[in-house]
Amino acid sequence: MNILVCVTHPDDEVLMCGGTIAKHVASGDKVFVLIMADGVTSRIGYEHGEIYARMLAGDAASKVLGYDGDIVGMPDQRMDTIDQLLINRRIEREIERFKPTIVYTHWHGDLNLDHALVSRAVKVACRPGSGVREVYLGEVPSSTEYAGGFNPNTFVDIGDQMDRKLEALRCYEGELRQDNHPRSLFAIGALAQLRGACVGVAAAEAFEAYRVLR
């Protein structure tokens, strides 16, 4: 089975569904991760080498989790300056090429505007007739919870993949924060435990099911 993960920034794929990716790979599924934006050019004092460093981090994370991927390189925090049609069509091309059965992307109400735009584009690209049977919207710590309203109804048991998720996150060392921040290893582990406790397992990743065709 082919699985597409479409996110905005390099590290979103691991934060949102790193354990789920690893679980799919372990079960024999083929996972492709499409990353839409560069993730760094909006930062004050940004240097060009940061793009390359983020790409290297993404490559290292992909090897840990076992997925293939591509970074489109749209401008960070400025995706609202790009015609929505162009964003939609880039994702549509990937769906036509890869023919995924399941797609994971951002929750539509995310505080990060780029996340919300990518979520909208994925919904357009995965409309009935696309061949996609299941679409799930996930959470990215330090962004989704700041908006409020995320209400997961689907949980993936990642107890056997949590170590791999944390190993992949360490590839993005420059994006991690101290323990009092939602994007710290401590808080990410605690969130996985909380989501797991909701369904009686040691660790889980949580999603809103947008569309499921059975």
N, C-alpha and C. Protein backbone atom coordinates (compact mmCIF):
# COMPACT_ATOMS: atom_id res chain seq x y z
N MET A 1 0.85 -1.20 0.00
CA MET A 1 0.00 0.00 0.00
C MET A 1 0.89 1.25 0.00
N ASN A 2 0.50 2.25 -0.77
CA ASN A 2 1.24 3.50 -0.85
C ASN A 2 0.64 4.54 0.10
N ILE A 3 1.53 5.21 0.85
CA ILE A 3 1.13 6.20 1.84
C ILE A 3 1.81 7.52 1.50
N LEU A 4 1.04 8.61 1.42
CA LEU A 4 1.59 9.94 1.19
C LEU A 4 1.44 10.78 2.46
N VAL A 5 2.54 11.39 2.88
CA VAL A 5 2.53 12.36 3.96
C VAL A 5 2.87 13.71 3.34
N CYS A 6 1.95 14.66 3.40
CA CYS A 6 2.17 15.98 2.81
C CYS A 6 2.18 17.02 3.92
N VAL A 7 3.33 17.62 4.16
CA VAL A 7 3.49 18.60 5.23
C VAL A 7 4.16 19.85 4.69
N THR A 8 4.28 20.84 5.55
CA THR A 8 4.80 22.13 5.10
C THR A 8 6.31 22.24 5.25
N HIS A 9 6.84 21.90 6.43
CA HIS A 9 8.25 22.15 6.73
C HIS A 9 9.00 20.86 7.03
N PRO A 10 10.29 20.82 6.71
CA PRO A 10 11.10 19.69 7.14
C PRO A 10 11.14 19.64 8.67
N ASP A 11 10.68 18.61 9.24
CA ASP A 11 10.51 18.21 10.65
C ASP A 11 9.04 18.01 10.99
N ASP A 12 8.12 18.65 10.21
CA ASP A 12 6.70 18.44 10.46
C ASP A 12 6.32 16.97 10.31
N GLU A 13 6.95 16.29 9.36
CA GLU A 13 6.60 14.89 9.11
C GLU A 13 6.89 14.02 10.35
N VAL A 14 7.99 14.32 11.03
CA VAL A 14 8.35 13.53 12.21
C VAL A 14 7.52 13.96 13.42
N LEU A 15 7.38 15.27 13.61
CA LEU A 15 6.59 15.77 14.73
C LEU A 15 5.15 15.26 14.66
N MET A 16 4.57 15.29 13.48
CA MET A 16 3.16 14.94 13.32
C MET A 16 2.93 13.44 13.31
N CYS A 17 3.76 12.71 12.56
CA CYS A 17 3.44 11.29 12.37
C CYS A 17 4.67 10.42 12.15
N GLY A 18 5.79 10.75 12.82
CA GLY A 18 7.00 9.96 12.67
C GLY A 18 6.80 8.51 13.07
N GLY A 19 6.08 8.28 14.16
CA GLY A 19 5.83 6.91 14.59
C GLY A 19 4.91 6.18 13.64
N THR A 20 3.92 6.89 13.10
CA THR A 20 2.99 6.29 12.14
C THR A 20 3.71 5.93 10.85
N ILE A 21 4.61 6.81 10.40
CA ILE A 21 5.41 6.50 9.21
C ILE A 21 6.21 5.21 9.43
N ALA A 22 6.91 5.15 10.57
CA ALA A 22 7.73 3.98 10.88
C ALA A 22 6.87 2.71 10.95
N LYS A 23 5.66 2.84 11.47
CA LYS A 23 4.76 1.68 11.58
C LYS A 23 4.33 1.20 10.19
N HIS A 24 4.01 2.16 9.30
CA HIS A 24 3.66 1.78 7.93
C HIS A 24 4.82 1.08 7.25
N VAL A 25 6.02 1.65 7.39
CA VAL A 25 7.20 1.05 6.74
C VAL A 25 7.44 -0.36 7.27
N ALA A 26 7.31 -0.53 8.60
CA ALA A 26 7.54 -1.84 9.21
C ALA A 26 6.55 -2.89 8.72
N SER A 27 5.34 -2.43 8.32
CA SER A 27 4.33 -3.37 7.84
C SER A 27 4.44 -3.63 6.34
N GLY A 28 5.43 -3.00 5.68
CA GLY A 28 5.66 -3.23 4.26
C GLY A 28 5.08 -2.19 3.33
N ASP A 29 4.47 -1.15 3.88
CA ASP A 29 3.94 -0.08 3.04
C ASP A 29 5.06 0.80 2.51
N LYS A 30 4.81 1.45 1.38
CA LYS A 30 5.75 2.41 0.81
C LYS A 30 5.28 3.81 1.15
N VAL A 31 6.15 4.59 1.80
CA VAL A 31 5.79 5.93 2.27
C VAL A 31 6.59 6.98 1.51
N PHE A 32 5.87 7.98 0.98
CA PHE A 32 6.51 9.13 0.33
C PHE A 32 6.10 10.39 1.09
N VAL A 33 7.09 11.22 1.43
CA VAL A 33 6.84 12.46 2.17
C VAL A 33 7.10 13.64 1.25
N LEU A 34 6.06 14.45 1.03
CA LEU A 34 6.17 15.67 0.23
C LEU A 34 6.19 16.86 1.17
N ILE A 35 7.29 17.61 1.16
CA ILE A 35 7.48 18.77 2.03
C ILE A 35 7.42 20.02 1.16
N MET A 36 6.50 20.92 1.46
CA MET A 36 6.18 22.00 0.53
C MET A 36 7.08 23.23 0.65
N ALA A 37 7.54 23.60 1.85
CA ALA A 37 8.28 24.86 2.05
C ALA A 37 9.68 24.59 2.60
N ASP A 38 10.54 25.60 2.51
CA ASP A 38 11.93 25.42 2.93
C ASP A 38 12.12 25.40 4.44
N GLY A 39 11.25 26.09 5.18
CA GLY A 39 11.30 26.03 6.63
C GLY A 39 12.20 27.02 7.33
N VAL A 40 12.96 27.82 6.59
CA VAL A 40 13.93 28.70 7.27
C VAL A 40 13.98 30.13 6.74
N THR A 41 13.54 30.41 5.52
CA THR A 41 13.81 31.72 4.92
C THR A 41 13.03 32.87 5.55
N SER A 42 12.07 32.57 6.41
CA SER A 42 11.33 33.64 7.09
C SER A 42 12.03 34.13 8.34
N ARG A 43 13.10 33.47 8.74
CA ARG A 43 13.74 33.77 10.02
C ARG A 43 14.65 34.99 9.92
N ILE A 44 14.64 35.79 10.96
CA ILE A 44 15.51 36.97 11.02
C ILE A 44 16.96 36.49 11.05
N GLY A 45 17.78 37.08 10.18
CA GLY A 45 19.19 36.71 10.12
C GLY A 45 19.46 35.40 9.41
N TYR A 46 18.49 34.94 8.67
CA TYR A 46 18.64 33.67 7.96
C TYR A 46 19.83 33.70 7.02
N GLU A 47 20.55 32.59 6.95
CA GLU A 47 21.68 32.43 6.04
C GLU A 47 21.37 31.28 5.08
N HIS A 48 21.86 31.41 3.85
CA HIS A 48 21.50 30.45 2.81
C HIS A 48 21.87 29.02 3.20
N GLY A 49 22.95 28.85 3.95
CA GLY A 49 23.37 27.51 4.34
C GLY A 49 22.36 26.78 5.20
N GLU A 50 21.45 27.52 5.80
CA GLU A 50 20.44 26.90 6.66
C GLU A 50 19.49 26.02 5.85
N ILE A 51 19.23 26.40 4.61
CA ILE A 51 18.37 25.57 3.76
C ILE A 51 19.02 24.21 3.54
N TYR A 52 20.30 24.23 3.21
CA TYR A 52 21.03 22.99 2.97
C TYR A 52 21.08 22.13 4.24
N ALA A 53 21.30 22.79 5.38
CA ALA A 53 21.35 22.05 6.64
C ALA A 53 20.02 21.39 6.95
N ARG A 54 18.93 22.09 6.67
CA ARG A 54 17.60 21.53 6.92
C ARG A 54 17.34 20.36 5.97
N MET A 55 17.81 20.47 4.73
CA MET A 55 17.66 19.37 3.79
C MET A 55 18.44 18.14 4.24
N LEU A 56 19.65 18.36 4.75
CA LEU A 56 20.46 17.24 5.25
C LEU A 56 19.78 16.58 6.44
N ALA A 57 19.19 17.41 7.32
CA ALA A 57 18.48 16.86 8.47
C ALA A 57 17.31 16.00 8.01
N GLY A 58 16.58 16.49 7.00
CA GLY A 58 15.46 15.73 6.46
C GLY A 58 15.90 14.41 5.84
N ASP A 59 17.02 14.45 5.16
CA ASP A 59 17.55 13.22 4.55
C ASP A 59 17.92 12.21 5.63
N ALA A 60 18.53 12.69 6.71
CA ALA A 60 18.90 11.79 7.81
C ALA A 60 17.66 11.19 8.46
N ALA A 61 16.62 12.03 8.66
CA ALA A 61 15.38 11.54 9.27
C ALA A 61 14.71 10.50 8.39
N SER A 62 14.77 10.71 7.07
CA SER A 62 14.14 9.76 6.15
C SER A 62 14.81 8.40 6.22
N LYS A 63 16.10 8.39 6.45
CA LYS A 63 16.82 7.11 6.57
C LYS A 63 16.45 6.40 7.87
N VAL A 64 16.24 7.17 8.93
CA VAL A 64 15.84 6.57 10.20
C VAL A 64 14.47 5.92 10.09
N LEU A 65 13.52 6.63 9.46
CA LEU A 65 12.14 6.16 9.41
C LEU A 65 11.85 5.27 8.20
N GLY A 66 12.68 5.39 7.15
CA GLY A 66 12.53 4.50 6.01
C GLY A 66 11.63 5.00 4.90
N TYR A 67 11.47 6.32 4.77
CA TYR A 67 10.61 6.86 3.72
C TYR A 67 11.43 7.54 2.62
N ASP A 68 10.84 7.70 1.45
CA ASP A 68 11.38 8.53 0.38
C ASP A 68 10.67 9.88 0.43
N GLY A 69 11.31 10.91 -0.11
CA GLY A 69 10.65 12.22 -0.04
C GLY A 69 11.22 13.25 -0.98
N ASP A 70 10.56 14.40 -0.98
CA ASP A 70 10.98 15.52 -1.82
C ASP A 70 10.62 16.82 -1.11
N ILE A 71 11.49 17.82 -1.22
CA ILE A 71 11.22 19.15 -0.68
C ILE A 71 10.99 20.10 -1.85
N VAL A 72 9.79 20.67 -1.92
CA VAL A 72 9.43 21.56 -3.02
C VAL A 72 10.17 22.89 -2.91
N GLY A 73 10.29 23.43 -1.70
CA GLY A 73 11.06 24.66 -1.48
C GLY A 73 10.29 25.95 -1.63
N MET A 74 8.98 25.93 -1.44
CA MET A 74 8.21 27.17 -1.44
C MET A 74 8.64 28.06 -0.26
N PRO A 75 8.44 29.39 -0.34
CA PRO A 75 8.97 30.30 0.68
C PRO A 75 8.28 30.14 2.03
N ASP A 76 9.09 29.99 3.05
CA ASP A 76 8.59 29.76 4.41
C ASP A 76 7.77 30.94 4.91
N GLN A 77 6.58 30.65 5.46
CA GLN A 77 5.66 31.64 6.02
C GLN A 77 5.18 32.67 4.99
N ARG A 78 5.32 32.34 3.73
CA ARG A 78 4.85 33.22 2.67
C ARG A 78 4.09 32.44 1.60
N MET A 79 3.59 31.28 1.97
CA MET A 79 2.85 30.49 0.99
C MET A 79 1.54 31.16 0.60
N ASP A 80 1.08 32.12 1.41
CA ASP A 80 -0.12 32.86 1.04
C ASP A 80 0.13 33.83 -0.09
N THR A 81 1.40 34.00 -0.49
CA THR A 81 1.72 34.84 -1.65
C THR A 81 1.72 34.03 -2.95
N ILE A 82 1.52 32.73 -2.84
CA ILE A 82 1.50 31.83 -3.99
C ILE A 82 0.05 31.49 -4.32
N ASP A 83 -0.27 31.51 -5.58
CA ASP A 83 -1.63 31.14 -6.01
C ASP A 83 -1.98 29.76 -5.45
N GLN A 84 -3.10 29.68 -4.76
CA GLN A 84 -3.52 28.41 -4.16
C GLN A 84 -3.61 27.30 -5.21
N LEU A 85 -3.97 27.66 -6.43
CA LEU A 85 -4.08 26.68 -7.50
C LEU A 85 -2.74 25.98 -7.75
N LEU A 86 -1.64 26.75 -7.67
CA LEU A 86 -0.32 26.17 -7.89
C LEU A 86 0.04 25.17 -6.78
N ILE A 87 -0.34 25.50 -5.56
CA ILE A 87 -0.09 24.59 -4.45
C ILE A 87 -0.91 23.31 -4.64
N ASN A 88 -2.18 23.50 -4.97
CA ASN A 88 -3.05 22.35 -5.20
C ASN A 88 -2.47 21.42 -6.28
N ARG A 89 -2.05 22.02 -7.38
CA ARG A 89 -1.62 21.22 -8.52
C ARG A 89 -0.31 20.47 -8.24
N ARG A 90 0.56 21.07 -7.42
CA ARG A 90 1.81 20.36 -7.07
C ARG A 90 1.49 19.08 -6.30
N ILE A 91 0.52 19.16 -5.40
CA ILE A 91 0.12 17.99 -4.63
C ILE A 91 -0.65 17.01 -5.51
N GLU A 92 -1.49 17.52 -6.38
CA GLU A 92 -2.22 16.66 -7.31
C GLU A 92 -1.26 15.83 -8.17
N ARG A 93 -0.17 16.46 -8.62
CA ARG A 93 0.81 15.74 -9.45
C ARG A 93 1.41 14.57 -8.67
N GLU A 94 1.67 14.79 -7.39
CA GLU A 94 2.25 13.72 -6.57
C GLU A 94 1.25 12.58 -6.38
N ILE A 95 0.00 12.94 -6.20
CA ILE A 95 -1.03 11.91 -6.04
C ILE A 95 -1.21 11.11 -7.32
N GLU A 96 -1.18 11.80 -8.47
CA GLU A 96 -1.28 11.10 -9.75
C GLU A 96 -0.09 10.17 -9.98
N ARG A 97 1.09 10.62 -9.56
CA ARG A 97 2.30 9.83 -9.76
C ARG A 97 2.39 8.64 -8.81
N PHE A 98 2.13 8.90 -7.52
CA PHE A 98 2.40 7.92 -6.47
C PHE A 98 1.18 7.04 -6.16
N LYS A 99 -0.02 7.56 -6.46
CA LYS A 99 -1.27 6.83 -6.24
C LYS A 99 -1.40 6.29 -4.81
N PRO A 100 -1.40 7.19 -3.83
CA PRO A 100 -1.52 6.73 -2.45
C PRO A 100 -2.94 6.28 -2.11
N THR A 101 -3.02 5.34 -1.20
CA THR A 101 -4.31 4.93 -0.65
C THR A 101 -4.68 5.79 0.55
N ILE A 102 -3.65 6.14 1.36
CA ILE A 102 -3.84 6.93 2.57
C ILE A 102 -2.97 8.17 2.49
N VAL A 103 -3.52 9.31 2.93
CA VAL A 103 -2.78 10.57 2.97
C VAL A 103 -2.88 11.17 4.38
N TYR A 104 -1.75 11.62 4.88
CA TYR A 104 -1.68 12.36 6.15
C TYR A 104 -1.24 13.79 5.87
N THR A 105 -1.88 14.75 6.53
CA THR A 105 -1.46 16.15 6.40
C THR A 105 -1.83 16.90 7.67
N HIS A 106 -1.66 18.23 7.62
CA HIS A 106 -1.92 19.07 8.78
C HIS A 106 -3.42 19.20 9.07
N TRP A 107 -3.72 19.51 10.31
CA TRP A 107 -5.08 19.89 10.70
C TRP A 107 -5.39 21.26 10.12
N HIS A 108 -6.61 21.43 9.59
CA HIS A 108 -6.97 22.64 8.85
C HIS A 108 -7.02 23.91 9.71
N GLY A 109 -7.19 23.77 11.03
CA GLY A 109 -7.29 24.95 11.89
C GLY A 109 -5.98 25.37 12.52
N ASP A 110 -4.88 24.81 12.05
CA ASP A 110 -3.57 25.08 12.64
C ASP A 110 -3.25 26.58 12.67
N LEU A 111 -2.60 27.03 13.73
CA LEU A 111 -2.25 28.45 13.86
C LEU A 111 -1.28 28.89 12.78
N ASN A 112 -0.41 27.99 12.36
CA ASN A 112 0.56 28.30 11.30
C ASN A 112 -0.18 28.36 9.96
N LEU A 113 -0.15 29.52 9.33
CA LEU A 113 -0.91 29.72 8.10
C LEU A 113 -0.45 28.78 6.99
N ASP A 114 0.86 28.57 6.87
CA ASP A 114 1.35 27.65 5.85
C ASP A 114 0.79 26.25 6.06
N HIS A 115 0.72 25.81 7.31
CA HIS A 115 0.13 24.50 7.61
C HIS A 115 -1.31 24.43 7.12
N ALA A 116 -2.07 25.49 7.42
CA ALA A 116 -3.48 25.52 7.04
C ALA A 116 -3.65 25.52 5.52
N LEU A 117 -2.79 26.24 4.81
CA LEU A 117 -2.88 26.29 3.35
C LEU A 117 -2.56 24.93 2.74
N VAL A 118 -1.57 24.24 3.29
CA VAL A 118 -1.24 22.91 2.78
C VAL A 118 -2.38 21.94 3.05
N SER A 119 -2.98 22.04 4.24
CA SER A 119 -4.12 21.19 4.56
C SER A 119 -5.25 21.39 3.55
N ARG A 120 -5.54 22.65 3.25
CA ARG A 120 -6.60 22.95 2.28
C ARG A 120 -6.26 22.37 0.90
N ALA A 121 -5.01 22.52 0.49
CA ALA A 121 -4.60 22.02 -0.82
C ALA A 121 -4.69 20.50 -0.89
N VAL A 122 -4.33 19.84 0.20
CA VAL A 122 -4.43 18.38 0.23
C VAL A 122 -5.89 17.94 0.10
N LYS A 123 -6.80 18.64 0.77
CA LYS A 123 -8.21 18.29 0.66
C LYS A 123 -8.71 18.43 -0.78
N VAL A 124 -8.24 19.47 -1.46
CA VAL A 124 -8.62 19.64 -2.87
C VAL A 124 -8.05 18.50 -3.71
N ALA A 125 -6.78 18.21 -3.50
CA ALA A 125 -6.11 17.19 -4.30
C ALA A 125 -6.67 15.79 -4.04
N CYS A 126 -7.21 15.58 -2.83
CA CYS A 126 -7.74 14.26 -2.45
C CYS A 126 -9.25 14.17 -2.60
N ARG A 127 -9.83 15.07 -3.35
CA ARG A 127 -11.28 15.05 -3.51
C ARG A 127 -11.72 13.74 -4.18
N PRO A 128 -13.00 13.38 -4.02
CA PRO A 128 -13.49 12.13 -4.62
C PRO A 128 -13.13 12.04 -6.11
N GLY A 129 -12.65 10.88 -6.49
CA GLY A 129 -12.16 10.67 -7.84
C GLY A 129 -10.65 10.65 -7.92
N SER A 130 -9.98 11.07 -6.83
CA SER A 130 -8.50 11.10 -6.81
C SER A 130 -7.90 9.72 -6.60
N GLY A 131 -8.70 8.79 -6.09
CA GLY A 131 -8.18 7.46 -5.77
C GLY A 131 -7.77 7.31 -4.33
N VAL A 132 -7.68 8.42 -3.60
CA VAL A 132 -7.31 8.38 -2.19
C VAL A 132 -8.53 7.93 -1.38
N ARG A 133 -8.34 6.94 -0.51
CA ARG A 133 -9.46 6.39 0.24
C ARG A 133 -9.53 6.90 1.69
N GLU A 134 -8.39 7.34 2.22
CA GLU A 134 -8.39 7.81 3.60
C GLU A 134 -7.51 9.05 3.72
N VAL A 135 -8.01 10.07 4.43
CA VAL A 135 -7.27 11.30 4.67
C VAL A 135 -7.33 11.61 6.17
N TYR A 136 -6.16 11.82 6.77
CA TYR A 136 -6.07 12.09 8.21
C TYR A 136 -5.31 13.39 8.45
N LEU A 137 -5.81 14.17 9.39
CA LEU A 137 -5.23 15.47 9.74
C LEU A 137 -4.55 15.37 11.10
N GLY A 138 -3.26 15.72 11.16
CA GLY A 138 -2.51 15.53 12.39
C GLY A 138 -2.09 16.83 13.06
N GLU A 139 -1.45 16.68 14.21
CA GLU A 139 -1.04 17.83 15.02
C GLU A 139 0.48 17.99 15.01
N VAL A 140 0.92 19.26 15.02
CA VAL A 140 2.33 19.60 15.11
C VAL A 140 2.54 20.40 16.38
N PRO A 141 3.27 19.86 17.35
CA PRO A 141 3.48 20.56 18.61
C PRO A 141 4.08 21.95 18.41
N SER A 142 3.61 22.89 19.21
CA SER A 142 3.98 24.32 19.20
C SER A 142 3.29 25.08 18.08
N SER A 143 2.30 24.47 17.47
CA SER A 143 1.54 25.14 16.42
C SER A 143 0.07 24.79 16.52
N THR A 144 -0.24 23.50 16.49
CA THR A 144 -1.65 23.08 16.50
C THR A 144 -2.33 23.42 17.81
N GLU A 145 -1.68 23.11 18.93
CA GLU A 145 -2.34 23.34 20.22
C GLU A 145 -2.50 24.82 20.53
N TYR A 146 -1.68 25.67 19.91
CA TYR A 146 -1.80 27.11 20.14
C TYR A 146 -3.10 27.67 19.55
N ALA A 147 -3.63 26.99 18.53
CA ALA A 147 -4.86 27.45 17.89
C ALA A 147 -6.09 27.03 18.69
N GLY A 148 -6.03 25.84 19.31
CA GLY A 148 -7.19 25.31 20.02
C GLY A 148 -8.19 24.71 19.06
N GLY A 149 -8.85 23.66 19.50
CA GLY A 149 -9.93 23.08 18.69
C GLY A 149 -9.62 21.75 18.04
N PHE A 150 -8.36 21.32 18.06
CA PHE A 150 -8.03 20.02 17.48
C PHE A 150 -8.71 18.92 18.29
N ASN A 151 -9.49 18.07 17.63
CA ASN A 151 -10.30 17.08 18.32
C ASN A 151 -10.09 15.70 17.68
N PRO A 152 -9.01 15.01 18.07
CA PRO A 152 -8.68 13.75 17.39
C PRO A 152 -9.71 12.66 17.64
N ASN A 153 -9.94 11.87 16.59
CA ASN A 153 -10.85 10.74 16.70
C ASN A 153 -10.22 9.45 16.17
N THR A 154 -8.95 9.52 15.81
CA THR A 154 -8.22 8.37 15.30
C THR A 154 -6.83 8.36 15.95
N PHE A 155 -6.44 7.19 16.45
CA PHE A 155 -5.17 7.08 17.17
C PHE A 155 -4.37 5.92 16.60
N VAL A 156 -3.07 6.14 16.44
CA VAL A 156 -2.17 5.09 15.95
C VAL A 156 -1.23 4.71 17.09
N ASP A 157 -1.24 3.45 17.46
CA ASP A 157 -0.37 2.94 18.52
C ASP A 157 1.07 2.92 18.02
N ILE A 158 1.92 3.76 18.61
CA ILE A 158 3.32 3.82 18.18
C ILE A 158 4.26 3.38 19.30
N GLY A 159 3.74 2.60 20.24
CA GLY A 159 4.56 2.16 21.35
C GLY A 159 5.84 1.46 20.91
N ASP A 160 5.75 0.69 19.83
CA ASP A 160 6.92 -0.03 19.34
C ASP A 160 7.77 0.80 18.39
N GLN A 161 7.36 2.04 18.12
CA GLN A 161 8.10 2.90 17.19
C GLN A 161 8.51 4.24 17.83
N MET A 162 8.24 4.42 19.12
CA MET A 162 8.53 5.70 19.76
C MET A 162 10.01 6.01 19.75
N ASP A 163 10.84 5.02 20.00
CA ASP A 163 12.29 5.26 19.99
C ASP A 163 12.75 5.72 18.61
N ARG A 164 12.17 5.15 17.57
CA ARG A 164 12.54 5.54 16.20
C ARG A 164 12.09 6.97 15.91
N LYS A 165 10.91 7.35 16.38
CA LYS A 165 10.43 8.72 16.21
C LYS A 165 11.38 9.70 16.88
N LEU A 166 11.80 9.41 18.10
CA LEU A 166 12.70 10.30 18.83
C LEU A 166 14.07 10.36 18.15
N GLU A 167 14.53 9.23 17.62
CA GLU A 167 15.80 9.22 16.90
C GLU A 167 15.71 10.11 15.65
N ALA A 168 14.60 10.05 14.94
CA ALA A 168 14.42 10.90 13.76
C ALA A 168 14.34 12.37 14.16
N LEU A 169 13.70 12.67 15.28
CA LEU A 169 13.62 14.06 15.75
C LEU A 169 15.00 14.62 16.07
N ARG A 170 15.88 13.79 16.57
CA ARG A 170 17.24 14.25 16.90
C ARG A 170 18.00 14.67 15.64
N CYS A 171 17.58 14.17 14.48
CA CYS A 171 18.19 14.63 13.22
C CYS A 171 17.91 16.12 13.01
N TYR A 172 16.79 16.61 13.54
CA TYR A 172 16.41 18.02 13.45
C TYR A 172 16.78 18.74 14.75
N GLU A 173 17.98 18.51 15.23
CA GLU A 173 18.40 19.04 16.53
C GLU A 173 18.20 20.55 16.63
N GLY A 174 18.45 21.26 15.53
CA GLY A 174 18.33 22.72 15.55
C GLY A 174 16.91 23.21 15.72
N GLU A 175 15.92 22.34 15.51
CA GLU A 175 14.51 22.73 15.64
C GLU A 175 13.92 22.36 17.00
N LEU A 176 14.68 21.60 17.79
CA LEU A 176 14.19 21.20 19.10
C LEU A 176 14.42 22.31 20.12
N ARG A 177 13.64 22.30 21.18
CA ARG A 177 13.70 23.34 22.21
C ARG A 177 13.90 22.72 23.58
N GLN A 178 13.97 23.57 24.61
CA GLN A 178 14.17 23.11 25.97
C GLN A 178 12.90 22.46 26.51
N ASP A 179 13.02 21.80 27.67
CA ASP A 179 11.96 20.94 28.17
C ASP A 179 10.65 21.64 28.49
N ASN A 180 10.66 22.95 28.66
CA ASN A 180 9.40 23.66 28.95
C ASN A 180 8.69 24.12 27.67
N HIS A 181 9.11 23.59 26.53
CA HIS A 181 8.55 23.97 25.23
C HIS A 181 7.89 22.76 24.61
N PRO A 182 6.74 22.94 23.91
CA PRO A 182 6.05 21.79 23.29
C PRO A 182 6.89 21.02 22.29
N ARG A 183 7.93 21.67 21.73
CA ARG A 183 8.77 21.00 20.74
C ARG A 183 10.08 20.53 21.34
N SER A 184 10.06 20.14 22.59
CA SER A 184 11.20 19.49 23.23
C SER A 184 10.98 17.98 23.18
N LEU A 185 12.07 17.22 23.27
CA LEU A 185 11.93 15.77 23.29
C LEU A 185 11.07 15.31 24.46
N PHE A 186 11.24 15.97 25.61
CA PHE A 186 10.44 15.63 26.79
C PHE A 186 8.95 15.83 26.51
N ALA A 187 8.58 17.00 25.99
CA ALA A 187 7.17 17.30 25.77
C ALA A 187 6.58 16.43 24.66
N ILE A 188 7.36 16.16 23.63
CA ILE A 188 6.87 15.31 22.54
C ILE A 188 6.60 13.90 23.06
N GLY A 189 7.50 13.40 23.92
CA GLY A 189 7.26 12.10 24.52
C GLY A 189 6.04 12.10 25.43
N ALA A 190 5.86 13.20 26.17
CA ALA A 190 4.71 13.31 27.06
C ALA A 190 3.40 13.36 26.27
N LEU A 191 3.41 14.07 25.13
CA LEU A 191 2.22 14.14 24.29
C LEU A 191 1.86 12.75 23.77
N ALA A 192 2.87 11.99 23.35
CA ALA A 192 2.62 10.63 22.86
C ALA A 192 2.03 9.76 23.97
N GLN A 193 2.51 9.95 25.20
CA GLN A 193 1.96 9.19 26.32
C GLN A 193 0.51 9.61 26.59
N LEU A 194 0.25 10.92 26.52
CA LEU A 194 -1.12 11.40 26.73
C LEU A 194 -2.06 10.85 25.67
N ARG A 195 -1.66 10.92 24.41
CA ARG A 195 -2.51 10.40 23.34
C ARG A 195 -2.69 8.89 23.50
N GLY A 196 -1.65 8.22 23.93
CA GLY A 196 -1.78 6.79 24.18
C GLY A 196 -2.75 6.48 25.31
N ALA A 197 -2.69 7.30 26.37
CA ALA A 197 -3.58 7.09 27.51
C ALA A 197 -5.04 7.25 27.12
N CYS A 198 -5.30 8.05 26.10
CA CYS A 198 -6.69 8.24 25.63
C CYS A 198 -7.29 6.94 25.12
N VAL A 199 -6.42 6.01 24.66
CA VAL A 199 -6.93 4.77 24.06
C VAL A 199 -6.32 3.53 24.71
N GLY A 200 -5.63 3.72 25.83
CA GLY A 200 -5.15 2.58 26.59
C GLY A 200 -3.89 1.91 26.09
N VAL A 201 -3.00 2.69 25.45
CA VAL A 201 -1.71 2.15 25.02
C VAL A 201 -0.60 3.05 25.54
N ALA A 202 0.64 2.60 25.42
CA ALA A 202 1.76 3.34 26.01
C ALA A 202 2.05 4.65 25.29
N ALA A 203 1.89 4.68 23.98
CA ALA A 203 2.19 5.89 23.20
C ALA A 203 1.39 5.86 21.91
N ALA A 204 0.93 7.02 21.48
CA ALA A 204 0.14 7.09 20.25
C ALA A 204 0.32 8.44 19.58
N GLU A 205 0.01 8.48 18.29
CA GLU A 205 -0.14 9.73 17.55
C GLU A 205 -1.62 9.88 17.22
N ALA A 206 -2.10 11.12 17.25
CA ALA A 206 -3.54 11.38 17.14
C ALA A 206 -3.86 12.16 15.86
N PHE A 207 -5.01 11.85 15.28
CA PHE A 207 -5.44 12.47 14.03
C PHE A 207 -6.94 12.70 14.05
N GLU A 208 -7.37 13.66 13.24
CA GLU A 208 -8.78 13.78 12.89
C GLU A 208 -8.97 13.08 11.54
N ALA A 209 -9.90 12.14 11.48
CA ALA A 209 -10.21 11.50 10.21
C ALA A 209 -11.06 12.46 9.39
N TYR A 210 -10.51 12.91 8.26
CA TYR A 210 -11.24 13.83 7.39
C TYR A 210 -12.17 13.09 6.45
N ARG A 211 -11.67 12.02 5.86
CA ARG A 211 -12.50 11.18 5.00
C ARG A 211 -11.96 9.76 5.04
N VAL A 212 -12.85 8.78 5.23
CA VAL A 212 -12.48 7.37 5.22
C VAL A 212 -13.49 6.63 4.36
N LEU A 213 -13.00 5.99 3.30
CA LEU A 213 -13.83 5.22 2.39
C LEU A 213 -13.52 3.74 2.58
N ARG A 214 -14.50 3.00 3.02
CA ARG A 214 -14.30 1.57 3.28
C ARG A 214 -15.22 0.74 2.38
